[in-house]
Amino acid sequence: MKLKKSLIAFAASLAAATLAYADVNVGVTVSATGPAASLGIPEKNTIALMPQTIGGQKINYIVLDDASDTTLAVSNTRKLITESKVDVILGSTTTPNSLAMIDVVSENQTPMISMAASARIVEPVDAKKRWVFKTPQNDIMMSLAIAASMADSGVKTVGFIGFADAYGEGWYQEFAKAAGLKGLTIVANERYARTDTSVTGQVLKIVAAKPDAVLVAGSGTPAVLPQRALKERGYAGKYYQTHGVANNDFLRVGGKDVEGTLLPSGPVLVAAQLPAGHPVKKSAMDYVT
């Protein structure tokens, strides 16, 4: 009996040792092509900087491109879990893709870390979203910063135009709360698709409302379109964008049309300007250099 117990204990210890030193497989699905590519490409490139070992365990990264498409994001997620047997999912780049992936990860009880911003990805916490986490700041945090900036600069009325999806709608709902707290009135509320090539109708309505400022709730290079159209129509008020445009491609595509734009961002974008004692400075500088 003692021998049997010893063998069982030995087998258990071997199993534990095997588990302790098993490879960790990380599945990644990002929007490296399509409308969100200006965000997805840097995310994909960042994977190459990720650690190859953690706590003595080897980390394997399996990276797939979902082409900014929700259906492909779901397909990639299922493939990574069922075929590659990943332990965790990183992705996706956009809010719609990330929301679409939740059913798959919760069904398979696989943790997911999204790179998209909307609070809807993780809230409210329920049986499905308990498996989901995200890295960017919440919409309400950034909305409050934008509303405070507007109020401080004398803005009273705001025109809003955002993506016709969960990102744009989530931003409108959160910004409306922040605007109310700061005494701002939203006088126009428009939507457009990420793949649209014209927003003339929406822009004409915004210009007619004569807002003091316009907030474009888009991300990546598609967020340039409304601002460029407003400039072409002679709109001379203040321009605000979300933290979803904080990348070089937005500046490259927007050119002179996005000069003077105001937007909130995380500390990594101004890492060199942070005080020496800032808790994020070291990790931010390690990343940017």
Protein backbone atom coordinates (compact mmCIF):
# COMPACT_ATOMS: atom_id res chain seq x y z
CA MET A 1 0.00 0.00 0.00
CA LYS A 2 2.83 2.36 0.91
CA LEU A 3 4.58 1.50 -2.37
CA LYS A 4 1.42 2.25 -4.30
CA LYS A 5 1.06 5.59 -2.54
CA SER A 6 4.70 6.38 -3.21
CA LEU A 7 4.33 5.57 -6.88
CA ILE A 8 1.26 7.76 -7.11
CA ALA A 9 3.09 10.59 -5.36
CA PHE A 10 6.11 10.14 -7.66
CA ALA A 11 3.88 10.15 -10.74
CA ALA A 12 2.16 13.28 -9.49
CA SER A 13 5.50 15.00 -8.92
CA LEU A 14 6.63 14.06 -12.43
CA ALA A 15 3.42 15.43 -13.86
CA ALA A 16 3.88 18.66 -11.92
CA ALA A 17 7.47 18.95 -13.11
CA THR A 18 6.37 18.35 -16.69
CA LEU A 19 3.72 21.03 -16.39
CA ALA A 20 6.17 23.44 -14.80
CA TYR A 21 8.56 23.22 -17.73
CA ALA A 22 6.08 22.87 -20.58
CA ASP A 23 6.23 25.49 -23.34
CA VAL A 24 3.73 28.32 -23.07
CA ASN A 25 1.93 28.89 -26.37
CA VAL A 26 0.66 32.40 -27.03
CA GLY A 27 -1.81 32.89 -29.87
CA VAL A 28 -1.86 36.32 -31.49
CA THR A 29 -4.41 37.71 -33.94
CA VAL A 30 -3.89 41.31 -35.07
CA SER A 31 -5.12 43.51 -37.90
CA ALA A 32 -1.85 43.71 -39.84
CA THR A 33 -3.78 44.45 -43.04
CA GLY A 34 -7.06 46.21 -43.79
CA PRO A 35 -8.39 49.51 -42.39
CA ALA A 36 -6.78 48.99 -38.96
CA ALA A 37 -3.33 48.09 -40.31
CA SER A 38 -1.70 51.28 -39.01
CA LEU A 39 -2.42 49.93 -35.53
CA GLY A 40 -2.00 46.23 -36.23
CA ILE A 41 1.43 46.42 -37.89
CA PRO A 42 3.16 47.98 -34.83
CA GLU A 43 1.40 45.41 -32.64
CA LYS A 44 2.67 42.59 -34.84
CA ASN A 45 6.19 44.06 -34.80
CA THR A 46 6.06 44.32 -31.01
CA ILE A 47 5.63 40.55 -30.71
CA ALA A 48 9.23 40.20 -31.91
CA LEU A 49 10.31 42.17 -28.82
CA MET A 50 8.41 39.95 -26.39
CA PRO A 51 10.39 37.65 -24.05
CA GLN A 52 11.25 34.20 -25.34
CA THR A 53 11.35 32.73 -21.84
CA ILE A 54 9.53 33.60 -18.62
CA GLY A 55 10.46 31.97 -15.33
CA GLY A 56 12.51 29.38 -17.17
CA GLN A 57 9.65 28.40 -19.47
CA LYS A 58 9.90 28.77 -23.23
CA ILE A 59 7.30 31.04 -24.85
CA ASN A 60 6.07 30.28 -28.36
CA TYR A 61 4.18 32.96 -30.30
CA ILE A 62 1.83 32.01 -33.13
CA VAL A 63 0.86 35.17 -35.02
CA LEU A 64 -2.06 35.43 -37.46
CA ASP A 65 -3.47 38.37 -39.43
CA ASP A 66 -7.24 38.93 -39.20
CA ALA A 67 -7.19 41.64 -41.91
CA SER A 68 -9.37 43.94 -39.75
CA ASP A 69 -12.26 41.51 -40.31
CA THR A 70 -14.44 40.25 -37.45
CA THR A 71 -15.21 36.90 -39.10
CA LEU A 72 -11.52 36.18 -39.66
CA ALA A 73 -10.69 37.29 -36.11
CA VAL A 74 -13.13 34.70 -34.76
CA SER A 75 -11.78 32.05 -37.14
CA ASN A 76 -8.19 32.81 -36.11
CA THR A 77 -9.11 32.61 -32.44
CA ARG A 78 -10.79 29.24 -32.84
CA LYS A 79 -7.87 27.92 -34.91
CA LEU A 80 -5.29 29.06 -32.36
CA ILE A 81 -7.18 27.41 -29.51
CA THR A 82 -8.22 24.15 -31.17
CA GLU A 83 -5.26 23.51 -33.49
CA SER A 84 -2.30 25.31 -31.91
CA LYS A 85 -3.51 24.59 -28.35
CA VAL A 86 -2.53 28.05 -27.14
CA ASP A 87 -2.64 28.94 -23.46
CA VAL A 88 -3.62 32.58 -23.99
CA ILE A 89 -4.88 34.80 -26.82
CA LEU A 90 -3.51 38.28 -27.57
CA GLY A 91 -5.80 40.37 -29.76
CA SER A 92 -7.35 41.75 -31.57
CA THR A 93 -6.51 45.25 -32.70
CA THR A 94 -10.03 46.68 -32.95
CA THR A 95 -13.06 46.78 -30.69
CA PRO A 96 -15.45 44.95 -33.09
CA ASN A 97 -12.95 42.11 -33.61
CA SER A 98 -12.26 41.80 -29.90
CA LEU A 99 -15.95 41.72 -29.01
CA ALA A 100 -16.56 39.02 -31.61
CA MET A 101 -13.81 36.84 -30.11
CA ILE A 102 -15.25 36.76 -26.59
CA ASP A 103 -17.65 33.86 -27.18
CA VAL A 104 -14.84 31.64 -28.46
CA VAL A 105 -12.39 32.31 -25.64
CA SER A 106 -15.04 31.99 -22.93
CA GLU A 107 -16.35 28.77 -24.44
CA ASN A 108 -12.83 27.32 -24.29
CA GLN A 109 -11.90 29.04 -21.01
CA THR A 110 -8.83 30.61 -22.59
CA PRO A 111 -7.67 34.00 -21.27
CA MET A 112 -7.65 36.82 -23.83
CA ILE A 113 -5.82 40.15 -23.71
CA SER A 114 -7.19 42.67 -26.20
CA MET A 115 -5.26 45.61 -27.63
CA ALA A 116 -8.50 47.48 -28.34
CA ALA A 117 -9.78 50.31 -26.18
CA SER A 118 -13.52 50.07 -25.61
CA ALA A 119 -14.66 49.34 -22.06
CA ARG A 120 -17.36 47.15 -23.59
CA ILE A 121 -14.70 44.50 -24.15
CA VAL A 122 -14.33 43.90 -20.42
CA GLU A 123 -17.47 45.41 -18.88
CA PRO A 124 -19.73 44.42 -17.33
CA VAL A 125 -17.80 41.46 -15.95
CA ASP A 126 -19.87 38.31 -16.41
CA ALA A 127 -19.34 34.59 -17.03
CA LYS A 128 -17.91 35.32 -20.49
CA LYS A 129 -15.95 38.52 -19.90
CA ARG A 130 -14.22 37.13 -16.82
CA TRP A 131 -11.79 35.60 -19.35
CA VAL A 132 -11.10 38.91 -21.08
CA PHE A 133 -8.62 41.69 -20.32
CA LYS A 134 -7.35 44.70 -22.30
CA THR A 135 -4.33 46.98 -22.32
CA PRO A 136 -5.47 50.50 -23.46
CA GLN A 137 -7.07 53.12 -21.27
CA ASN A 138 -10.88 53.07 -21.04
CA ASP A 139 -13.01 55.38 -23.18
CA ILE A 140 -14.35 57.26 -20.17
CA MET A 141 -10.85 58.12 -18.93
CA MET A 142 -9.91 59.62 -22.28
CA SER A 143 -13.34 61.22 -22.74
CA LEU A 144 -12.93 63.06 -19.46
CA ALA A 145 -9.52 64.35 -20.57
CA ILE A 146 -10.93 65.59 -23.88
CA ALA A 147 -13.96 67.21 -22.26
CA ALA A 148 -11.73 68.95 -19.70
CA SER A 149 -9.49 70.30 -22.47
CA MET A 150 -12.50 71.55 -24.40
CA ALA A 151 -14.00 73.29 -21.38
CA ASP A 152 -10.67 74.87 -20.44
CA SER A 153 -10.29 76.32 -23.94
CA GLY A 154 -13.76 77.86 -23.99
CA VAL A 155 -15.57 75.26 -26.10
CA LYS A 156 -19.33 75.18 -25.50
CA THR A 157 -20.69 73.11 -28.39
CA VAL A 158 -19.31 69.93 -29.97
CA GLY A 159 -19.87 68.04 -33.19
CA PHE A 160 -19.30 64.28 -32.97
CA ILE A 161 -18.50 61.85 -35.79
CA GLY A 162 -17.41 58.29 -35.10
CA PHE A 163 -17.12 54.83 -36.58
CA ALA A 164 -20.44 53.10 -37.25
CA ASP A 165 -19.53 50.22 -34.96
CA ALA A 166 -18.96 49.42 -31.30
CA TYR A 167 -15.92 51.71 -31.13
CA GLY A 168 -17.78 54.78 -32.33
CA GLU A 169 -20.93 54.06 -30.34
CA GLY A 170 -18.99 53.32 -27.17
CA TRP A 171 -17.09 56.57 -27.53
CA TYR A 172 -20.27 58.55 -28.06
CA GLN A 173 -21.89 57.16 -24.93
CA GLU A 174 -18.84 57.83 -22.76
CA PHE A 175 -18.10 61.25 -24.23
CA ALA A 176 -21.74 62.29 -23.78
CA LYS A 177 -21.34 61.59 -20.04
CA ALA A 178 -18.08 63.55 -19.87
CA ALA A 179 -19.54 66.41 -21.91
CA GLY A 180 -22.46 66.69 -19.52
CA LEU A 181 -20.12 66.94 -16.56
CA LYS A 182 -18.27 69.82 -18.23
CA GLY A 183 -21.32 71.69 -19.48
CA LEU A 184 -20.69 70.90 -23.16
CA THR A 185 -23.56 70.50 -25.64
CA ILE A 186 -23.31 67.96 -28.47
CA VAL A 187 -24.98 69.63 -31.46
CA ALA A 188 -24.25 66.98 -34.12
CA ASN A 189 -23.86 63.21 -33.93
CA GLU A 190 -22.76 61.37 -37.08
CA ARG A 191 -21.33 57.96 -38.07
CA TYR A 192 -19.27 56.52 -40.92
CA ALA A 193 -17.80 53.13 -41.81
CA ARG A 194 -14.09 52.39 -41.49
CA THR A 195 -13.96 51.62 -45.21
CA ASP A 196 -15.89 54.71 -46.40
CA THR A 197 -14.20 56.96 -48.95
CA SER A 198 -16.55 59.93 -48.49
CA VAL A 199 -18.28 61.56 -45.52
CA THR A 200 -19.63 64.60 -47.35
CA GLY A 201 -23.19 64.22 -46.06
CA GLN A 202 -22.12 63.85 -42.45
CA VAL A 203 -19.67 66.74 -42.64
CA LEU A 204 -22.25 69.10 -44.15
CA LYS A 205 -24.54 68.42 -41.19
CA ILE A 206 -21.73 69.07 -38.72
CA VAL A 207 -20.68 72.31 -40.42
CA ALA A 208 -24.31 73.47 -40.47
CA ALA A 209 -24.52 72.93 -36.69
CA LYS A 210 -21.58 75.35 -36.21
CA PRO A 211 -19.90 73.59 -33.27
CA ASP A 212 -16.95 75.14 -31.47
CA ALA A 213 -15.07 71.84 -31.73
CA VAL A 214 -15.38 68.46 -33.44
CA LEU A 215 -14.46 65.10 -31.94
CA VAL A 216 -13.63 62.33 -34.41
CA ALA A 217 -14.07 58.94 -32.72
CA GLY A 218 -12.08 56.79 -35.10
CA SER A 219 -8.81 54.90 -35.01
CA GLY A 220 -5.85 54.51 -37.31
CA THR A 221 -5.71 56.12 -40.74
CA PRO A 222 -9.50 55.97 -41.40
CA ALA A 223 -9.84 58.69 -38.75
CA VAL A 224 -8.22 61.16 -41.17
CA LEU A 225 -11.21 61.16 -43.56
CA PRO A 226 -13.70 63.28 -41.54
CA GLN A 227 -11.07 65.79 -40.49
CA ARG A 228 -9.84 66.23 -44.05
CA ALA A 229 -13.42 66.67 -45.28
CA LEU A 230 -14.11 69.26 -42.57
CA LYS A 231 -10.97 71.18 -43.55
CA GLU A 232 -12.07 71.14 -47.20
CA ARG A 233 -15.43 72.61 -46.14
CA GLY A 234 -13.67 75.41 -44.30
CA TYR A 235 -14.42 74.33 -40.76
CA ALA A 236 -12.13 76.43 -38.55
CA GLY A 237 -13.00 75.17 -35.07
CA LYS A 238 -10.92 72.93 -32.83
CA TYR A 239 -10.25 69.32 -33.83
CA TYR A 240 -10.07 66.46 -31.34
CA GLN A 241 -9.31 62.79 -31.95
CA THR A 242 -9.17 59.74 -29.68
CA HIS A 243 -6.09 57.84 -28.51
CA GLY A 244 -6.81 55.42 -31.36
CA VAL A 245 -4.88 57.68 -33.77
CA ALA A 246 -1.69 57.99 -31.75
CA ASN A 247 0.66 56.56 -34.37
CA ASN A 248 2.93 57.72 -37.18
CA ASP A 249 0.71 56.50 -40.02
CA PHE A 250 -2.12 58.80 -38.94
CA LEU A 251 0.29 61.74 -39.16
CA ARG A 252 1.72 60.53 -42.46
CA VAL A 253 -1.66 60.08 -44.15
CA GLY A 254 -3.22 63.16 -42.57
CA GLY A 255 -0.34 65.52 -43.30
CA LYS A 256 -1.24 69.19 -42.99
CA ASP A 257 -4.92 68.32 -42.50
CA VAL A 258 -4.26 66.95 -39.03
CA GLU A 259 -1.85 69.63 -37.83
CA GLY A 260 -3.02 71.14 -34.55
CA THR A 261 -5.18 68.13 -33.63
CA LEU A 262 -5.64 67.54 -29.92
CA LEU A 263 -5.83 64.01 -28.51
CA PRO A 264 -5.21 62.12 -25.28
CA SER A 265 -2.57 59.41 -25.11
CA GLY A 266 -0.79 57.04 -22.78
CA PRO A 267 2.59 57.99 -21.28
CA VAL A 268 4.63 55.80 -23.65
CA LEU A 269 4.26 58.39 -26.43
CA VAL A 270 5.96 61.04 -24.31
CA ALA A 271 8.31 58.72 -22.46
CA ALA A 272 11.35 60.98 -22.84
CA GLN A 273 9.44 63.89 -21.31
CA LEU A 274 8.31 62.02 -18.21
CA PRO A 275 9.98 62.92 -14.89
CA ALA A 276 12.67 60.50 -13.74
CA GLY A 277 10.52 59.17 -10.92
CA HIS A 278 7.48 58.37 -13.08
CA PRO A 279 6.53 54.68 -12.60
CA VAL A 280 6.14 54.11 -16.35
CA LYS A 281 9.29 55.89 -17.54
CA LYS A 282 11.75 52.97 -17.43
CA SER A 283 9.53 50.43 -19.18
CA ALA A 284 8.37 53.04 -21.71
CA MET A 285 11.94 54.05 -22.57
CA ASP A 286 12.98 50.39 -22.85
CA TYR A 287 10.19 49.90 -25.39
CA VAL A 288 10.77 52.98 -27.53
CA THR A 289 14.53 52.51 -27.67
